[in-house]
Each structure stands twice: as C-alpha cells, then as structure tokens.
C-alpha cells in the first residue's frame, strides 16, 4: 500500500492510496494516514482510485479517522473507488458514516456543503 499526501485546496488535505487496503495495507499506512489527517483537524478527501481491494481493516481505518475528524468539526470524504471497492463500501454502508463520491470535484463539493 502506497500513500501520498497533498493539498486539495484551502484547508483540505488529499490522501491518495494505491494498492490493497487489507490488514497488511492498513498496517503499512495506518499511522501516517491518521497523523496526516487527524491532528490538523482539517477536512480531508481520500482518493481510492488506486485501491484494488478493501478488507475490514481498511474500512476500520477509514471509519476511525472519520469519527476522529468529526470530533474536530471536520469531515472525511471518499472518492474515485473502483467498482469492486465501491461495492464493498456500499455493502458495509460506509456512506452512512462519510460521503462517497465518484470524483475529486464532487468530494470537494461535498465538503463545501459541510457546515462543521
């Protein structure tokens, strides 16, 4: 699992993930992922277009980060999931916890509608 961190606009962190977000992948990026998002307490968008597989540990990482951000009045938005990953997210009802959009633009728009 590879991870890159970038700015996606004023006050928004963009994390791009590539690889398998399974137990090993979540372990590989978990600490850096959480450290890049939660302490600053800023809105974040997560690019899942490079994620080829997602298991429960990957979902746990996303959920725990989203919950930690909500305590800081910030939001986590997922975008770009491939069909297999999108199906897993839908079956797990992650859209009830955080917005899931098709594109980066839609993810940023979802944040614009977030009042904090």
Protein backbone atom coordinates (compact mmCIF):
# COMPACT_ATOMS: atom_id res chain seq x y z
CA UNK A 1 0.00 0.00 0.00
CA UNK A 2 1.35 3.39 -1.01
CA UNK A 3 0.14 6.74 0.25
CA UNK A 4 0.75 10.32 -0.85
CA UNK A 5 -0.41 13.48 0.88
CA UNK A 6 -1.18 16.72 -0.94
CA UNK A 7 -3.19 19.92 -0.59
CA UNK A 8 -6.54 19.85 -2.38
CA UNK A 9 -7.40 23.48 -1.67
CA UNK A 10 -7.65 25.83 1.25
CA UNK A 11 -7.84 23.79 4.42
CA UNK A 12 -8.33 20.43 2.66
CA UNK A 13 -5.89 17.52 2.78
CA UNK A 14 -5.93 14.98 -0.07
CA UNK A 15 -4.65 11.47 0.57
CA UNK A 16 -4.10 9.21 -2.45
CA UNK A 17 -3.95 5.48 -1.73
CA UNK A 18 -2.60 2.81 -4.09
CA UNK A 19 -2.67 -0.92 -3.53
CA UNK A 20 -4.61 -3.30 -1.31
CA UNK A 21 -6.26 -1.80 1.76
CA UNK A 22 -6.31 -5.08 3.65
CA UNK A 23 -4.77 -5.83 7.06
CA UNK A 24 -1.21 -5.51 5.74
CA UNK A 25 -2.03 -2.36 3.76
CA UNK A 26 -3.81 -0.73 6.70
CA UNK A 27 -0.82 -1.56 8.93
CA UNK A 28 1.59 -0.14 6.35
CA UNK A 29 -0.09 3.28 6.11
CA UNK A 30 -2.30 3.50 9.21
CA UNK A 31 -0.11 5.63 11.43
CA UNK A 32 0.92 8.05 8.65
CA UNK A 33 -2.69 8.19 7.37
CA UNK A 34 -4.09 9.11 10.77
CA UNK A 35 -1.23 11.51 11.56
CA UNK A 36 -1.70 13.37 8.25
CA UNK A 37 -5.42 13.90 8.84
CA UNK A 38 -6.49 13.92 12.47
CA UNK A 39 -4.03 16.21 14.34
CA UNK A 40 -4.52 19.13 11.91
CA UNK A 41 -8.29 18.66 12.25
CA UNK A 42 -8.85 19.72 8.64
CA UNK A 43 -11.31 18.39 6.10
CA UNK A 44 -9.83 15.56 4.06
CA UNK A 45 -10.61 13.81 0.79
CA UNK A 46 -9.37 10.30 0.14
CA UNK A 47 -8.61 9.14 -3.41
CA UNK A 48 -9.45 5.44 -3.62
CA UNK A 49 -8.98 5.14 -7.40
CA UNK A 50 -5.73 3.21 -6.89
CA UNK A 51 -7.15 0.86 -4.26
CA UNK A 52 -7.68 -2.56 -5.83
CA UNK A 53 -9.06 -4.37 -2.77
CA UNK A 54 -10.51 -3.34 0.59
CA UNK A 55 -10.94 -5.53 3.65
CA UNK A 56 -12.38 -4.87 7.10
CA UNK A 57 -9.12 -3.44 8.48
CA UNK A 58 -9.08 -0.86 5.69
CA UNK A 59 -12.68 0.08 6.44
CA UNK A 60 -11.85 0.32 10.14
CA UNK A 61 -9.03 2.77 9.36
CA UNK A 62 -11.40 4.98 7.32
CA UNK A 63 -14.19 4.84 9.93
CA UNK A 64 -11.94 5.58 12.91
CA UNK A 65 -10.35 8.50 11.07
CA UNK A 66 -13.74 9.89 10.02
CA UNK A 67 -15.01 9.68 13.60
CA UNK A 68 -11.89 11.35 14.99
CA UNK A 69 -12.30 14.16 12.46
CA UNK A 70 -15.97 14.64 13.33
CA UNK A 71 -14.94 15.40 16.92
CA UNK A 72 -12.84 18.24 15.46
CA UNK A 73 -15.76 19.51 13.35
CA UNK A 74 -14.13 18.30 10.14
CA UNK A 75 -15.17 15.74 7.56
CA UNK A 76 -13.68 12.88 5.57
CA UNK A 77 -14.93 12.27 2.00
CA UNK A 78 -14.00 9.25 -0.13
CA UNK A 79 -13.84 9.41 -3.92
CA UNK A 80 -12.89 7.50 -7.04
CA UNK A 81 -13.42 3.95 -5.79
CA UNK A 82 -13.17 1.18 -8.39
CA UNK A 83 -16.28 -1.00 -8.83
CA UNK A 84 -15.10 -3.81 -6.52
CA UNK A 85 -14.14 -1.36 -3.75
CA UNK A 86 -17.32 0.70 -4.27
CA UNK A 87 -19.40 -2.47 -3.82
CA UNK A 88 -17.61 -3.25 -0.54
CA UNK A 89 -18.17 0.31 0.72
CA UNK A 90 -21.88 0.15 -0.17
CA UNK A 91 -22.38 -3.29 1.39
CA UNK A 92 -20.77 -2.05 4.60
CA UNK A 93 -22.97 1.10 4.49
CA UNK A 94 -19.95 3.39 4.84
CA UNK A 95 -21.93 6.08 3.02
CA UNK A 96 -23.93 6.37 6.25
CA UNK A 97 -20.74 7.45 8.04
CA UNK A 98 -18.99 9.55 5.38
CA UNK A 99 -19.77 10.83 1.89
CA UNK A 100 -18.60 8.69 -1.02
CA UNK A 101 -18.36 10.41 -4.40
CA UNK A 102 -17.20 9.49 -7.89
CA UNK A 103 -14.71 12.32 -8.46
CA UNK A 104 -12.36 14.68 -6.66
CA UNK A 105 -14.51 17.64 -7.70
CA UNK A 106 -17.60 16.01 -6.19
CA UNK A 107 -15.64 15.28 -3.00
CA UNK A 108 -14.65 18.93 -2.70
CA UNK A 109 -18.27 19.95 -3.38
CA UNK A 110 -19.43 17.61 -0.61
CA UNK A 111 -17.09 19.45 1.75
CA UNK A 112 -18.47 22.81 0.59
CA UNK A 113 -21.88 21.64 1.79
CA UNK A 114 -20.47 20.59 5.17
CA UNK A 115 -21.19 23.11 7.90
CA UNK A 116 -18.90 21.55 10.51
